[in-house]
Amino acid sequence: MKFPLTDEQHAFARSLDAMLAAAGTPAAVRSWAAGDPSAGRALLARVADAGVFALAVPETHGGTGLLPVELVVAFVELGRHAVPGPVVETVAAAALVARTGDADLAKRLLPGMASGELSVTLAVLEHGPLEGAAPLTAAPLTAAPLTAVPLALDADSADLTLVVAGGALYAAPAHGPVRSCADPARRHAAPAEGGELLAAGPHVAEAAAHAVDVARLVTAAQSLGVGETLLSRTVGYVKQRTQFGTAIGSFQAVKHRLADTLLALEFARPLLFGAALSLRPADIAAAKVAAGEAAYAAARTALQLHGAVGYTEELDLSLWLRKARPLRDAWGTPSQCRARVLAV
């Protein structure tokens, strides 16, 4: 099945690619991992100026309305360039706030999200109505303060941390200690207890489920972009590295490994764009599994074919190698997403 992009969508992808290529993204990623988000925040401001975050914000609040195909196009490029920060969470939070139907809350938060002036991260206590998992439940406006919440990505650098728990939406007042991750540029922290109660009720639970689907969709797009870069860099490397006087890229075993990696990525692509068109939770979950597994396989291939040099911090390849596994598991592990597909 083919999902051809329009000329405008291709132009959007090319403009993002050119902008990110010229922005010195690897240096920004390393600074972010070291705890200095200044270069990354400047990069995210350019991403916002390109209209990426506005793609999840209604027109009445400075956005373009939810445009899932364009979001996928954008996040493939963000993955290809290893852009750091809570980009997925900002988009998911915008989708959440827009879906709550609270006009005052939307007016307060959405314009800043669309423009990039407000960096937001999001934590959802339960990832929606998955098979074997308790569903999000409604809570009265007098809901008790939070006592147990999941980790929020980049809560230390975001301007606002939103938490959904028990059918209630909170603005966390602070965060706990920053915790390490397999990807140093993915910094997690637990939101502090309590905070401002922004909304509660069944509409929050429904909006949270929608936000999780949006997060899964764009995370899958990020994974696809990461896999594409890992493959392209590995192909370039095996053309240059020689053994026994010949490039290792000419070896049949190497060709087969690269071909398998390419097939997995190309199999995930139509699932991803099909899910963007349908926005069915099961389709999104299937795309998330396919893209996440393909990117992780691309990372394993890249590491094997680069050999010992693939482990080095100095090689930019490490910035993508370390993203593949965390992205595969973010916003729903493969087993959770497969359960969501089978539950249909």
C-alpha atoms as a PDB file:
ATOM      1  CA  MET A   1       0.000   0.000   0.000  1.00  0.00           C
ATOM      2  CA  LYS A   2       1.322   3.437  -0.934  1.00  0.00           C
ATOM      3  CA  PHE A   3       0.684   6.770   0.776  1.00  0.00           C
ATOM      4  CA  PRO A   4       2.304   9.328  -1.538  1.00  0.00           C
ATOM      5  CA  LEU A   5       3.011  12.701   0.015  1.00  0.00           C
ATOM      6  CA  THR A   6       1.926  15.923  -1.629  1.00  0.00           C
ATOM      7  CA  ASP A   7       4.414  18.402  -3.066  1.00  0.00           C
ATOM      8  CA  GLU A   8       3.809  20.641  -0.042  1.00  0.00           C
ATOM      9  CA  GLN A   9       4.549  17.806   2.380  1.00  0.00           C
ATOM     10  CA  HIS A  10       7.749  16.924   0.540  1.00  0.00           C
ATOM     11  CA  ALA A  11       8.785  20.599   0.623  1.00  0.00           C
ATOM     12  CA  PHE A  12       8.048  20.719   4.360  1.00  0.00           C
ATOM     13  CA  ALA A  13      10.286  17.700   4.947  1.00  0.00           C
ATOM     14  CA  ARG A  14      13.085  19.166   2.842  1.00  0.00           C
ATOM     15  CA  SER A  15      12.931  22.502   4.657  1.00  0.00           C
ATOM     16  CA  LEU A  16      13.134  20.814   8.056  1.00  0.00           C
ATOM     17  CA  ASP A  17      15.990  18.610   6.872  1.00  0.00           C
ATOM     18  CA  ALA A  18      17.965  21.606   5.612  1.00  0.00           C
ATOM     19  CA  MET A  19      17.313  23.637   8.751  1.00  0.00           C
ATOM     20  CA  LEU A  20      18.293  20.845  11.138  1.00  0.00           C
ATOM     21  CA  ALA A  21      21.363  19.896   9.095  1.00  0.00           C
ATOM     22  CA  ALA A  22      22.632  23.462   9.371  1.00  0.00           C
ATOM     23  CA  ALA A  23      21.811  23.830  13.060  1.00  0.00           C
ATOM     24  CA  GLY A  24      24.650  21.765  14.534  1.00  0.00           C
ATOM     25  CA  THR A  25      22.268  19.293  16.139  1.00  0.00           C
ATOM     26  CA  PRO A  26      24.909  16.810  17.434  1.00  0.00           C
ATOM     27  CA  ALA A  27      26.499  19.539  19.571  1.00  0.00           C
ATOM     28  CA  ALA A  28      23.081  20.509  20.950  1.00  0.00           C
ATOM     29  CA  VAL A  29      22.354  16.861  21.794  1.00  0.00           C
ATOM     30  CA  ARG A  30      25.633  16.482  23.672  1.00  0.00           C
ATOM     31  CA  SER A  31      25.032  19.691  25.611  1.00  0.00           C
ATOM     32  CA  TRP A  32      21.521  18.538  26.492  1.00  0.00           C
ATOM     33  CA  ALA A  33      22.868  15.221  27.760  1.00  0.00           C
ATOM     34  CA  ALA A  34      25.394  17.105  29.902  1.00  0.00           C
ATOM     35  CA  GLY A  35      22.597  19.076  31.574  1.00  0.00           C
ATOM     36  CA  ASP A  36      22.903  22.298  29.562  1.00  0.00           C
ATOM     37  CA  PRO A  37      19.683  22.732  27.542  1.00  0.00           C
ATOM     38  CA  SER A  38      20.460  26.202  26.161  1.00  0.00           C
ATOM     39  CA  ALA A  39      21.571  25.068  22.698  1.00  0.00           C
ATOM     40  CA  GLY A  40      18.752  22.534  22.590  1.00  0.00           C
ATOM     41  CA  ARG A  41      16.176  25.138  23.569  1.00  0.00           C
ATOM     42  CA  ALA A  42      17.433  27.381  20.757  1.00  0.00           C
ATOM     43  CA  LEU A  43      17.088  24.455  18.363  1.00  0.00           C
ATOM     44  CA  LEU A  44      13.548  23.745  19.592  1.00  0.00           C
ATOM     45  CA  ALA A  45      12.665  27.388  19.027  1.00  0.00           C
ATOM     46  CA  ARG A  46      13.649  26.962  15.381  1.00  0.00           C
ATOM     47  CA  VAL A  47      11.581  23.786  15.196  1.00  0.00           C
ATOM     48  CA  ALA A  48       8.616  25.742  16.577  1.00  0.00           C
ATOM     49  CA  ASP A  49       9.209  28.572  14.087  1.00  0.00           C
ATOM     50  CA  ALA A  50       8.973  25.950  11.340  1.00  0.00           C
ATOM     51  CA  GLY A  51       5.437  25.228  12.557  1.00  0.00           C
ATOM     52  CA  VAL A  52       5.958  21.731  13.946  1.00  0.00           C
ATOM     53  CA  PHE A  53       4.225  22.196  17.310  1.00  0.00           C
ATOM     54  CA  ALA A  54       1.414  24.189  15.694  1.00  0.00           C
ATOM     55  CA  LEU A  55       0.434  21.013  13.832  1.00  0.00           C
ATOM     56  CA  ALA A  56      -1.241  19.739  17.030  1.00  0.00           C
ATOM     57  CA  VAL A  57      -2.896  23.021  18.069  1.00  0.00           C
ATOM     58  CA  PRO A  58      -6.335  24.215  16.880  1.00  0.00           C
ATOM     59  CA  GLU A  59      -6.439  27.214  14.560  1.00  0.00           C
ATOM     60  CA  THR A  60      -8.308  29.251  17.168  1.00  0.00           C
ATOM     61  CA  HIS A  61      -5.229  29.133  19.389  1.00  0.00           C
ATOM     62  CA  GLY A  62      -2.492  29.864  16.880  1.00  0.00           C
ATOM     63  CA  GLY A  63      -2.107  26.442  15.315  1.00  0.00           C
ATOM     64  CA  THR A  64      -3.122  24.689  12.124  1.00  0.00           C
ATOM     65  CA  GLY A  65      -5.428  22.091  13.669  1.00  0.00           C
ATOM     66  CA  LEU A  66      -4.373  18.491  14.182  1.00  0.00           C
ATOM     67  CA  LEU A  67      -2.601  17.436  10.966  1.00  0.00           C
ATOM     68  CA  PRO A  68      -1.332  13.913  11.716  1.00  0.00           C
ATOM     69  CA  VAL A  69       0.310  13.250   8.350  1.00  0.00           C
ATOM     70  CA  GLU A  70       2.296  16.475   8.561  1.00  0.00           C
ATOM     71  CA  LEU A  71       3.203  15.611  12.155  1.00  0.00           C
ATOM     72  CA  VAL A  72       4.567  12.269  10.985  1.00  0.00           C
ATOM     73  CA  VAL A  73       6.544  13.970   8.208  1.00  0.00           C
ATOM     74  CA  ALA A  74       8.021  16.394  10.741  1.00  0.00           C
ATOM     75  CA  PHE A  75       8.884  13.803  13.374  1.00  0.00           C
ATOM     76  CA  VAL A  76      10.614  11.540  10.883  1.00  0.00           C
ATOM     77  CA  GLU A  77      12.946  14.479  10.254  1.00  0.00           C
ATOM     78  CA  LEU A  78      13.348  15.150  13.986  1.00  0.00           C
ATOM     79  CA  GLY A  79      14.326  11.503  14.406  1.00  0.00           C
ATOM     80  CA  ARG A  80      16.704  11.608  11.465  1.00  0.00           C
ATOM     81  CA  HIS A  81      18.539  14.507  13.118  1.00  0.00           C
ATOM     82  CA  ALA A  82      18.287  13.217  16.730  1.00  0.00           C
ATOM     83  CA  VAL A  83      16.625  16.411  17.979  1.00  0.00           C
ATOM     84  CA  PRO A  84      16.613  16.408  21.808  1.00  0.00           C
ATOM     85  CA  GLY A  85      13.931  17.563  24.202  1.00  0.00           C
ATOM     86  CA  PRO A  86      10.289  16.770  24.997  1.00  0.00           C
ATOM     87  CA  VAL A  87       9.091  17.246  21.429  1.00  0.00           C
ATOM     88  CA  VAL A  88       6.759  14.247  21.533  1.00  0.00           C
ATOM     89  CA  GLU A  89       5.407  15.273  24.917  1.00  0.00           C
ATOM     90  CA  THR A  90       4.744  18.868  23.827  1.00  0.00           C
ATOM     91  CA  VAL A  91       2.692  17.673  20.869  1.00  0.00           C
ATOM     92  CA  ALA A  92       0.850  15.106  22.996  1.00  0.00           C
ATOM     93  CA  ALA A  93       0.137  17.722  25.673  1.00  0.00           C
ATOM     94  CA  ALA A  94      -1.272  20.069  23.037  1.00  0.00           C
ATOM     95  CA  ALA A  95      -3.548  17.305  21.760  1.00  0.00           C
ATOM     96  CA  LEU A  96      -4.614  16.586  25.355  1.00  0.00           C
ATOM     97  CA  VAL A  97      -5.451  20.182  26.251  1.00  0.00           C
ATOM     98  CA  ALA A  98      -7.280  20.742  22.971  1.00  0.00           C
ATOM     99  CA  ARG A  99      -9.386  17.601  23.476  1.00  0.00           C
ATOM    100  CA  THR A 100     -10.473  18.481  27.044  1.00  0.00           C
ATOM    101  CA  GLY A 101     -12.805  21.135  25.662  1.00  0.00           C
ATOM    102  CA  ASP A 102     -11.812  23.579  28.410  1.00  0.00           C
ATOM    103  CA  ALA A 103     -11.696  26.926  26.593  1.00  0.00           C
ATOM    104  CA  ASP A 104      -9.940  28.780  29.421  1.00  0.00           C
ATOM    105  CA  LEU A 105      -7.258  26.106  29.781  1.00  0.00           C
ATOM    106  CA  ALA A 106      -6.728  26.007  26.033  1.00  0.00           C
ATOM    107  CA  LYS A 107      -6.404  29.787  25.850  1.00  0.00           C
ATOM    108  CA  ARG A 108      -3.912  29.700  28.698  1.00  0.00           C
ATOM    109  CA  LEU A 109      -1.608  26.988  27.330  1.00  0.00           C
ATOM    110  CA  LEU A 110      -2.035  26.300  23.633  1.00  0.00           C
ATOM    111  CA  PRO A 111      -0.742  29.554  22.059  1.00  0.00           C
ATOM    112  CA  GLY A 112       2.548  29.168  23.930  1.00  0.00           C
ATOM    113  CA  MET A 113       2.859  25.532  22.857  1.00  0.00           C
ATOM    114  CA  ALA A 114       2.229  26.426  19.218  1.00  0.00           C
ATOM    115  CA  SER A 115       4.809  29.222  19.198  1.00  0.00           C
ATOM    116  CA  GLY A 116       7.422  27.282  21.151  1.00  0.00           C
ATOM    117  CA  GLU A 117       7.450  29.805  23.982  1.00  0.00           C
ATOM    118  CA  LEU A 118       6.083  27.155  26.350  1.00  0.00           C
ATOM    119  CA  SER A 119       7.969  23.856  26.515  1.00  0.00           C
ATOM    120  CA  VAL A 120       5.753  21.177  28.036  1.00  0.00           C
ATOM    121  CA  THR A 121       6.331  17.611  29.084  1.00  0.00           C
ATOM    122  CA  LEU A 122       3.598  15.113  29.884  1.00  0.00           C
ATOM    123  CA  ALA A 123       3.268  12.039  32.079  1.00  0.00           C
ATOM    124  CA  VAL A 124       0.218   9.769  31.980  1.00  0.00           C
ATOM    125  CA  LEU A 125      -0.194   7.356  34.844  1.00  0.00           C
ATOM    126  CA  GLU A 126      -1.886   4.713  32.708  1.00  0.00           C
ATOM    127  CA  HIS A 127      -1.333   4.330  28.976  1.00  0.00           C
ATOM    128  CA  GLY A 128      -4.971   4.100  27.975  1.00  0.00           C
ATOM    129  CA  PRO A 129      -7.297   1.095  27.693  1.00  0.00           C
ATOM    130  CA  LEU A 130      -4.708  -1.567  26.926  1.00  0.00           C
ATOM    131  CA  GLU A 131      -5.530  -5.250  27.281  1.00  0.00           C
ATOM    132  CA  GLY A 132      -4.856  -6.304  30.851  1.00  0.00           C
ATOM    133  CA  ALA A 133      -4.421  -2.745  32.112  1.00  0.00           C
ATOM    134  CA  ALA A 134      -6.806  -0.777  34.269  1.00  0.00           C
ATOM    135  CA  PRO A 135      -8.563   1.984  32.308  1.00  0.00           C
ATOM    136  CA  LEU A 136      -8.269   5.657  33.167  1.00  0.00           C
ATOM    137  CA  THR A 137     -11.045   6.489  35.599  1.00  0.00           C
ATOM    138  CA  ALA A 138     -12.960   9.677  36.203  1.00  0.00           C
ATOM    139  CA  ALA A 139     -12.242  11.715  39.314  1.00  0.00           C
ATOM    140  CA  PRO A 140     -14.113  14.574  40.950  1.00  0.00           C
ATOM    141  CA  LEU A 141     -12.673  18.070  41.005  1.00  0.00           C
ATOM    142  CA  THR A 142     -11.761  17.451  44.644  1.00  0.00           C
ATOM    143  CA  ALA A 143      -9.317  14.722  43.672  1.00  0.00           C
ATOM    144  CA  ALA A 144      -6.541  14.101  46.165  1.00  0.00           C
ATOM    145  CA  PRO A 145      -2.973  15.264  45.461  1.00  0.00           C
ATOM    146  CA  LEU A 146      -0.808  12.898  43.472  1.00  0.00           C
ATOM    147  CA  THR A 147       1.151  10.327  45.442  1.00  0.00           C
ATOM    148  CA  ALA A 148       2.496   8.050  42.673  1.00  0.00           C
ATOM    149  CA  VAL A 149       3.238   9.269  39.150  1.00  0.00           C
ATOM    150  CA  PRO A 150       5.362   8.037  36.226  1.00  0.00           C
ATOM    151  CA  LEU A 151       8.598   9.657  35.134  1.00  0.00           C
ATOM    152  CA  ALA A 152       8.339  12.693  32.895  1.00  0.00           C
ATOM    153  CA  LEU A 153      10.831  13.226  30.085  1.00  0.00           C
ATOM    154  CA  ASP A 154      12.999  16.346  30.456  1.00  0.00           C
ATOM    155  CA  ALA A 155      10.984  17.706  33.362  1.00  0.00           C
ATOM    156  CA  ASP A 156      14.146  19.529  34.458  1.00  0.00           C
ATOM    157  CA  SER A 157      14.261  21.624  31.285  1.00  0.00           C
ATOM    158  CA  ALA A 158      10.554  21.967  30.409  1.00  0.00           C
ATOM    159  CA  ASP A 159       8.610  25.057  31.417  1.00  0.00           C
ATOM    160  CA  LEU A 160       5.591  23.019  32.506  1.00  0.00           C
ATOM    161  CA  THR A 161       5.010  19.414  33.517  1.00  0.00           C
ATOM    162  CA  LEU A 162       1.476  18.082  33.036  1.00  0.00           C
ATOM    163  CA  VAL A 163       0.421  14.877  34.759  1.00  0.00           C
ATOM    164  CA  VAL A 164      -2.723  12.833  34.148  1.00  0.00           C
ATOM    165  CA  ALA A 165      -3.701  10.453  36.919  1.00  0.00           C
ATOM    166  CA  GLY A 166      -7.038   9.069  38.015  1.00  0.00           C
ATOM    167  CA  GLY A 167      -8.917  11.010  35.353  1.00  0.00           C
ATOM    168  CA  ALA A 168      -7.499  14.333  36.579  1.00  0.00           C
ATOM    169  CA  LEU A 169      -5.050  16.720  34.935  1.00  0.00           C
ATOM    170  CA  TYR A 170      -2.456  18.407  37.144  1.00  0.00           C
ATOM    171  CA  ALA A 171       0.322  20.923  36.661  1.00  0.00           C
ATOM    172  CA  ALA A 172       3.189  19.529  38.715  1.00  0.00           C
ATOM    173  CA  PRO A 173       4.836  22.137  40.957  1.00  0.00           C
ATOM    174  CA  ALA A 174       8.362  20.725  40.617  1.00  0.00           C
ATOM    175  CA  HIS A 175      10.243  17.501  39.935  1.00  0.00           C
ATOM    176  CA  GLY A 176      12.419  15.060  41.769  1.00  0.00           C
ATOM    177  CA  PRO A 177      16.002  13.980  41.012  1.00  0.00           C
ATOM    178  CA  VAL A 178      16.919  13.557  37.369  1.00  0.00           C
ATOM    179  CA  ARG A 179      17.453   9.921  36.399  1.00  0.00           C
ATOM    180  CA  SER A 180      19.697   8.549  33.697  1.00  0.00           C
ATOM    181  CA  CYS A 181      18.541   6.654  30.650  1.00  0.00           C
ATOM    182  CA  ALA A 182      20.157   4.495  27.993  1.00  0.00           C
ATOM    183  CA  ASP A 183      20.037   7.658  25.883  1.00  0.00           C
ATOM    184  CA  PRO A 184      21.833  10.398  27.867  1.00  0.00           C
ATOM    185  CA  ALA A 185      19.786  13.023  26.039  1.00  0.00           C
ATOM    186  CA  ARG A 186      16.563  11.556  27.461  1.00  0.00           C
ATOM    187  CA  ARG A 187      16.514  12.873  31.020  1.00  0.00           C
ATOM    188  CA  HIS A 188      13.707  11.611  33.265  1.00  0.00           C
ATOM    189  CA  ALA A 189      12.402  12.937  36.556  1.00  0.00           C
ATOM    190  CA  ALA A 190       9.408  12.186  38.735  1.00  0.00           C
ATOM    191  CA  PRO A 191       6.986  15.128  39.040  1.00  0.00           C
ATOM    192  CA  ALA A 192       6.526  16.337  42.590  1.00  0.00           C
ATOM    193  CA  GLU A 193       3.367  15.510  44.504  1.00  0.00           C
ATOM    194  CA  GLY A 194       0.387  17.858  44.536  1.00  0.00           C
ATOM    195  CA  GLY A 195       0.276  20.757  42.121  1.00  0.00           C
ATOM    196  CA  GLU A 196      -2.528  22.708  40.501  1.00  0.00           C
ATOM    197  CA  LEU A 197      -5.586  20.712  39.479  1.00  0.00           C
ATOM    198  CA  LEU A 198      -6.415  21.902  35.973  1.00  0.00           C
ATOM    199  CA  ALA A 199      -9.329  19.622  35.024  1.00  0.00           C
ATOM    200  CA  ALA A 200     -10.969  16.360  36.009  1.00  0.00           C
ATOM    201  CA  GLY A 201     -13.711  14.056  34.809  1.00  0.00           C
ATOM    202  CA  PRO A 202     -14.461  11.570  32.033  1.00  0.00           C
ATOM    203  CA  HIS A 203     -13.490  14.106  29.364  1.00  0.00           C
ATOM    204  CA  VAL A 204      -9.948  14.197  30.781  1.00  0.00           C
ATOM    205  CA  ALA A 205      -9.717  10.406  30.593  1.00  0.00           C
ATOM    206  CA  GLU A 206     -10.852  10.472  26.956  1.00  0.00           C
ATOM    207  CA  ALA A 207      -8.452  13.298  26.137  1.00  0.00           C
ATOM    208  CA  ALA A 208      -5.584  11.418  27.812  1.00  0.00           C
ATOM    209  CA  ALA A 209      -6.248   8.311  25.708  1.00  0.00           C
ATOM    210  CA  HIS A 210      -6.190  10.502  22.583  1.00  0.00           C
ATOM    211  CA  ALA A 211      -2.942  12.154  23.706  1.00  0.00           C
ATOM    212  CA  VAL A 212      -1.302   8.762  24.219  1.00  0.00           C
ATOM    213  CA  ASP A 213      -2.265   7.753  20.680  1.00  0.00           C
ATOM    214  CA  VAL A 214      -0.757  10.979  19.311  1.00  0.00           C
ATOM    215  CA  ALA A 215       2.399  10.383  21.367  1.00  0.00           C
ATOM    216  CA  ARG A 216       2.687   6.840  20.033  1.00  0.00           C
ATOM    217  CA  LEU A 217       2.218   8.003  16.459  1.00  0.00           C
ATOM    218  CA  VAL A 218       4.925  10.662  16.542  1.00  0.00           C
ATOM    219  CA  THR A 219       7.259   8.428  18.570  1.00  0.00           C
ATOM    220  CA  ALA A 220       6.902   5.837  15.817  1.00  0.00           C
ATOM    221  CA  ALA A 221       7.788   8.538  13.296  1.00  0.00           C
ATOM    222  CA  GLN A 222      10.833   9.487  15.348  1.00  0.00           C
ATOM    223  CA  SER A 223      11.883   5.838  15.445  1.00  0.00           C
ATOM    224  CA  LEU A 224      11.604   5.562  11.680  1.00  0.00           C
ATOM    225  CA  GLY A 225      13.802   8.636  11.249  1.00  0.00           C
ATOM    226  CA  VAL A 226      16.381   7.261  13.689  1.00  0.00           C
ATOM    227  CA  GLY A 227      16.440   3.971  11.784  1.00  0.00           C
ATOM    228  CA  GLU A 228      16.895   5.745   8.462  1.00  0.00           C
ATOM    229  CA  THR A 229      19.915   7.666   9.707  1.00  0.00           C
ATOM    230  CA  LEU A 230      21.471   4.566  11.266  1.00  0.00           C
ATOM    231  CA  LEU A 231      21.080   2.709   7.984  1.00  0.00           C
ATOM    232  CA  SER A 232      22.423   5.523   5.797  1.00  0.00           C
ATOM    233  CA  ARG A 233      25.455   6.086   8.020  1.00  0.00           C
ATOM    234  CA  THR A 234      26.162   2.360   8.123  1.00  0.00           C
ATOM    235  CA  VAL A 235      25.923   2.048   4.350  1.00  0.00           C
ATOM    236  CA  GLY A 236      28.396   4.913   4.003  1.00  0.00           C
ATOM    237  CA  TYR A 237      30.752   3.302   6.498  1.00  0.00           C
ATOM    238  CA  VAL A 238      30.831  -0.180   4.931  1.00  0.00           C
ATOM    239  CA  LYS A 239      31.726   1.399   1.594  1.00  0.00           C
ATOM    240  CA  GLN A 240      34.869   2.848   3.182  1.00  0.00           C
ATOM    241  CA  ARG A 241      35.975   0.195   5.682  1.00  0.00           C
ATOM    242  CA  THR A 242      38.161  -2.465   4.094  1.00  0.00           C
ATOM    243  CA  GLN A 243      39.203  -5.983   5.013  1.00  0.00           C
ATOM    244  CA  PHE A 244      41.503  -8.176   2.925  1.00  0.00           C
ATOM    245  CA  GLY A 245      41.925  -5.255   0.559  1.00  0.00           C
ATOM    246  CA  THR A 246      38.240  -4.806  -0.284  1.00  0.00           C
ATOM    247  CA  ALA A 247      35.331  -2.783   1.104  1.00  0.00           C
ATOM    248  CA  ILE A 248      33.274  -4.847   3.540  1.00  0.00           C
ATOM    249  CA  GLY A 249      30.139  -3.557   1.842  1.00  0.00           C
ATOM    250  CA  SER A 250      30.880  -5.956  -1.002  1.00  0.00           C
ATOM    251  CA  PHE A 251      30.573  -9.004   1.284  1.00  0.00           C
ATOM    252  CA  GLN A 252      27.370 -10.941   0.753  1.00  0.00           C
ATOM    253  CA  ALA A 253      26.642 -11.314   4.476  1.00  0.00           C
ATOM    254  CA  VAL A 254      26.907  -7.552   4.969  1.00  0.00           C
ATOM    255  CA  LYS A 255      24.615  -6.909   2.012  1.00  0.00           C
ATOM    256  CA  HIS A 256      22.017  -9.305   3.408  1.00  0.00           C
ATOM    257  CA  ARG A 257      22.112  -7.653   6.834  1.00  0.00           C
ATOM    258  CA  LEU A 258      21.644  -4.199   5.333  1.00  0.00           C
ATOM    259  CA  ALA A 259      18.876  -5.429   3.034  1.00  0.00           C
ATOM    260  CA  ASP A 260      16.985  -6.892   5.994  1.00  0.00           C
ATOM    261  CA  THR A 261      17.307  -3.578   7.823  1.00  0.00           C
ATOM    262  CA  LEU A 262      16.011  -1.651   4.823  1.00  0.00           C
ATOM    263  CA  LEU A 263      13.065  -4.013   4.377  1.00  0.00           C
ATOM    264  CA  ALA A 264      12.024  -3.593   8.015  1.00  0.00           C
ATOM    265  CA  LEU A 265      12.099   0.192   7.743  1.00  0.00           C
ATOM    266  CA  GLU A 266      10.204   0.190   4.459  1.00  0.00           C
ATOM    267  CA  PHE A 267       7.607  -2.194   5.901  1.00  0.00           C
ATOM    268  CA  ALA A 268       7.034   0.199   8.809  1.00  0.00           C
ATOM    269  CA  ARG A 269       6.620   3.265   6.587  1.00  0.00           C
ATOM    270  CA  PRO A 270       3.165   2.475   5.086  1.00  0.00           C
ATOM    271  CA  LEU A 271       1.916   1.321   8.491  1.00  0.00           C
ATOM    272  CA  LEU A 272       2.986   4.670   9.923  1.00  0.00           C
ATOM    273  CA  PHE A 273       1.344   6.832   7.274  1.00  0.00           C
ATOM    274  CA  GLY A 274      -1.720   4.594   7.213  1.00  0.00           C
ATOM    275  CA  ALA A 275      -2.084   5.112  10.965  1.00  0.00           C
ATOM    276  CA  ALA A 276      -1.720   8.868  10.487  1.00  0.00           C
ATOM    277  CA  LEU A 277      -4.634   8.793   8.045  1.00  0.00           C
ATOM    278  CA  SER A 278      -6.925   6.569  10.100  1.00  0.00           C
ATOM    279  CA  LEU A 279      -5.884   7.589  13.646  1.00  0.00           C
ATOM    280  CA  ARG A 280      -7.298   4.262  14.837  1.00  0.00           C
ATOM    281  CA  PRO A 281      -5.598   3.231  18.099  1.00  0.00           C
ATOM    282  CA  ALA A 282      -4.918  -0.281  16.808  1.00  0.00           C
ATOM    283  CA  ASP A 283      -3.335   1.070  13.611  1.00  0.00           C
ATOM    284  CA  ILE A 284      -1.162   3.437  15.634  1.00  0.00           C
ATOM    285  CA  ALA A 285      -0.085   0.628  17.950  1.00  0.00           C
ATOM    286  CA  ALA A 286       0.842  -1.563  14.963  1.00  0.00           C
ATOM    287  CA  ALA A 287       2.881   1.262  13.436  1.00  0.00           C
ATOM    288  CA  LYS A 288       4.612   1.854  16.767  1.00  0.00           C
ATOM    289  CA  VAL A 289       5.661  -1.787  17.006  1.00  0.00           C
ATOM    290  CA  ALA A 290       6.888  -1.960  13.408  1.00  0.00           C
ATOM    291  CA  ALA A 291       8.835   1.318  13.473  1.00  0.00           C
ATOM    292  CA  GLY A 292      10.297   0.719  16.928  1.00  0.00           C
ATOM    293  CA  GLU A 293      11.475  -2.793  16.139  1.00  0.00           C
ATOM    294  CA  ALA A 294      12.871  -1.678  12.772  1.00  0.00           C
ATOM    295  CA  ALA A 295      14.864   1.142  14.365  1.00  0.00           C
ATOM    296  CA  TYR A 296      16.186  -1.170  17.077  1.00  0.00           C
ATOM    297  CA  ALA A 297      17.242  -3.694  14.419  1.00  0.00           C
ATOM    298  CA  ALA A 298      18.934  -0.873  12.507  1.00  0.00           C
ATOM    299  CA  ALA A 299      20.857   0.048  15.676  1.00  0.00           C
ATOM    300  CA  ARG A 300      22.038  -3.530  16.149  1.00  0.00           C
ATOM    301  CA  THR A 301      23.107  -3.716  12.505  1.00  0.00           C
ATOM    302  CA  ALA A 302      24.929  -0.397  12.725  1.00  0.00           C
ATOM    303  CA  LEU A 303      26.780  -1.446  15.863  1.00  0.00           C
ATOM    304  CA  GLN A 304      27.782  -4.811  14.446  1.00  0.00           C
ATOM    305  CA  LEU A 305      29.048  -3.442  11.140  1.00  0.00           C
ATOM    306  CA  HIS A 306      30.866  -0.480  12.668  1.00  0.00           C
ATOM    307  CA  GLY A 307      32.671  -2.791  15.044  1.00  0.00           C
ATOM    308  CA  ALA A 308      34.452  -1.393  18.106  1.00  0.00           C
ATOM    309  CA  VAL A 309      34.343   2.176  16.801  1.00  0.00           C
ATOM    310  CA  GLY A 310      30.548   2.040  17.152  1.00  0.00           C
ATOM    311  CA  TYR A 311      30.902   2.098  20.936  1.00  0.00           C
ATOM    312  CA  THR A 312      32.872   5.347  21.058  1.00  0.00           C
ATOM    313  CA  GLU A 313      31.328   8.509  22.517  1.00  0.00           C
ATOM    314  CA  GLU A 314      33.139  10.688  19.988  1.00  0.00           C
ATOM    315  CA  LEU A 315      31.399   9.128  16.984  1.00  0.00           C
ATOM    316  CA  ASP A 316      28.125  10.890  16.190  1.00  0.00           C
ATOM    317  CA  LEU A 317      26.606   7.498  15.420  1.00  0.00           C
ATOM    318  CA  SER A 318      26.264   6.953  19.180  1.00  0.00           C
ATOM    319  CA  LEU A 319      23.637   9.723  19.345  1.00  0.00           C
ATOM    320  CA  TRP A 320      21.303   7.613  17.216  1.00  0.00           C
ATOM    321  CA  LEU A 321      22.369   4.212  18.529  1.00  0.00           C
ATOM    322  CA  ARG A 322      21.266   5.161  22.034  1.00  0.00           C
ATOM    323  CA  LYS A 323      17.884   6.453  20.941  1.00  0.00           C
ATOM    324  CA  ALA A 324      16.574   3.334  19.258  1.00  0.00           C
ATOM    325  CA  ARG A 325      15.843   1.215  22.334  1.00  0.00           C
ATOM    326  CA  PRO A 326      14.283   3.972  24.511  1.00  0.00           C
ATOM    327  CA  LEU A 327      12.068   5.117  21.633  1.00  0.00           C
ATOM    328  CA  ARG A 328      10.966   1.536  21.011  1.00  0.00           C
ATOM    329  CA  ASP A 329       9.629   1.382  24.578  1.00  0.00           C
ATOM    330  CA  ALA A 330       8.416   4.971  25.033  1.00  0.00           C
ATOM    331  CA  TRP A 331       4.639   5.514  25.214  1.00  0.00           C
ATOM    332  CA  GLY A 332       3.940   1.791  25.086  1.00  0.00           C
ATOM    333  CA  THR A 333       6.299  -1.157  24.899  1.00  0.00           C
ATOM    334  CA  PRO A 334       6.058  -3.592  21.969  1.00  0.00           C
ATOM    335  CA  SER A 335       4.098  -6.037  24.133  1.00  0.00           C
ATOM    336  CA  GLN A 336       1.631  -3.341  25.203  1.00  0.00           C
ATOM    337  CA  CYS A 337       1.119  -2.187  21.636  1.00  0.00           C
ATOM    338  CA  ARG A 338       0.676  -5.750  20.366  1.00  0.00           C
ATOM    339  CA  ALA A 339      -1.949  -6.279  23.074  1.00  0.00           C
ATOM    340  CA  ARG A 340      -3.718  -3.159  21.849  1.00  0.00           C
ATOM    341  CA  VAL A 341      -3.783  -4.530  18.302  1.00  0.00           C
ATOM    342  CA  LEU A 342      -5.068  -7.923  19.426  1.00  0.00           C
ATOM    343  CA  ALA A 343      -7.762  -6.330  21.588  1.00  0.00           C
ATOM    344  CA  VAL A 344      -9.621  -5.069  18.492  1.00  0.00           C
END
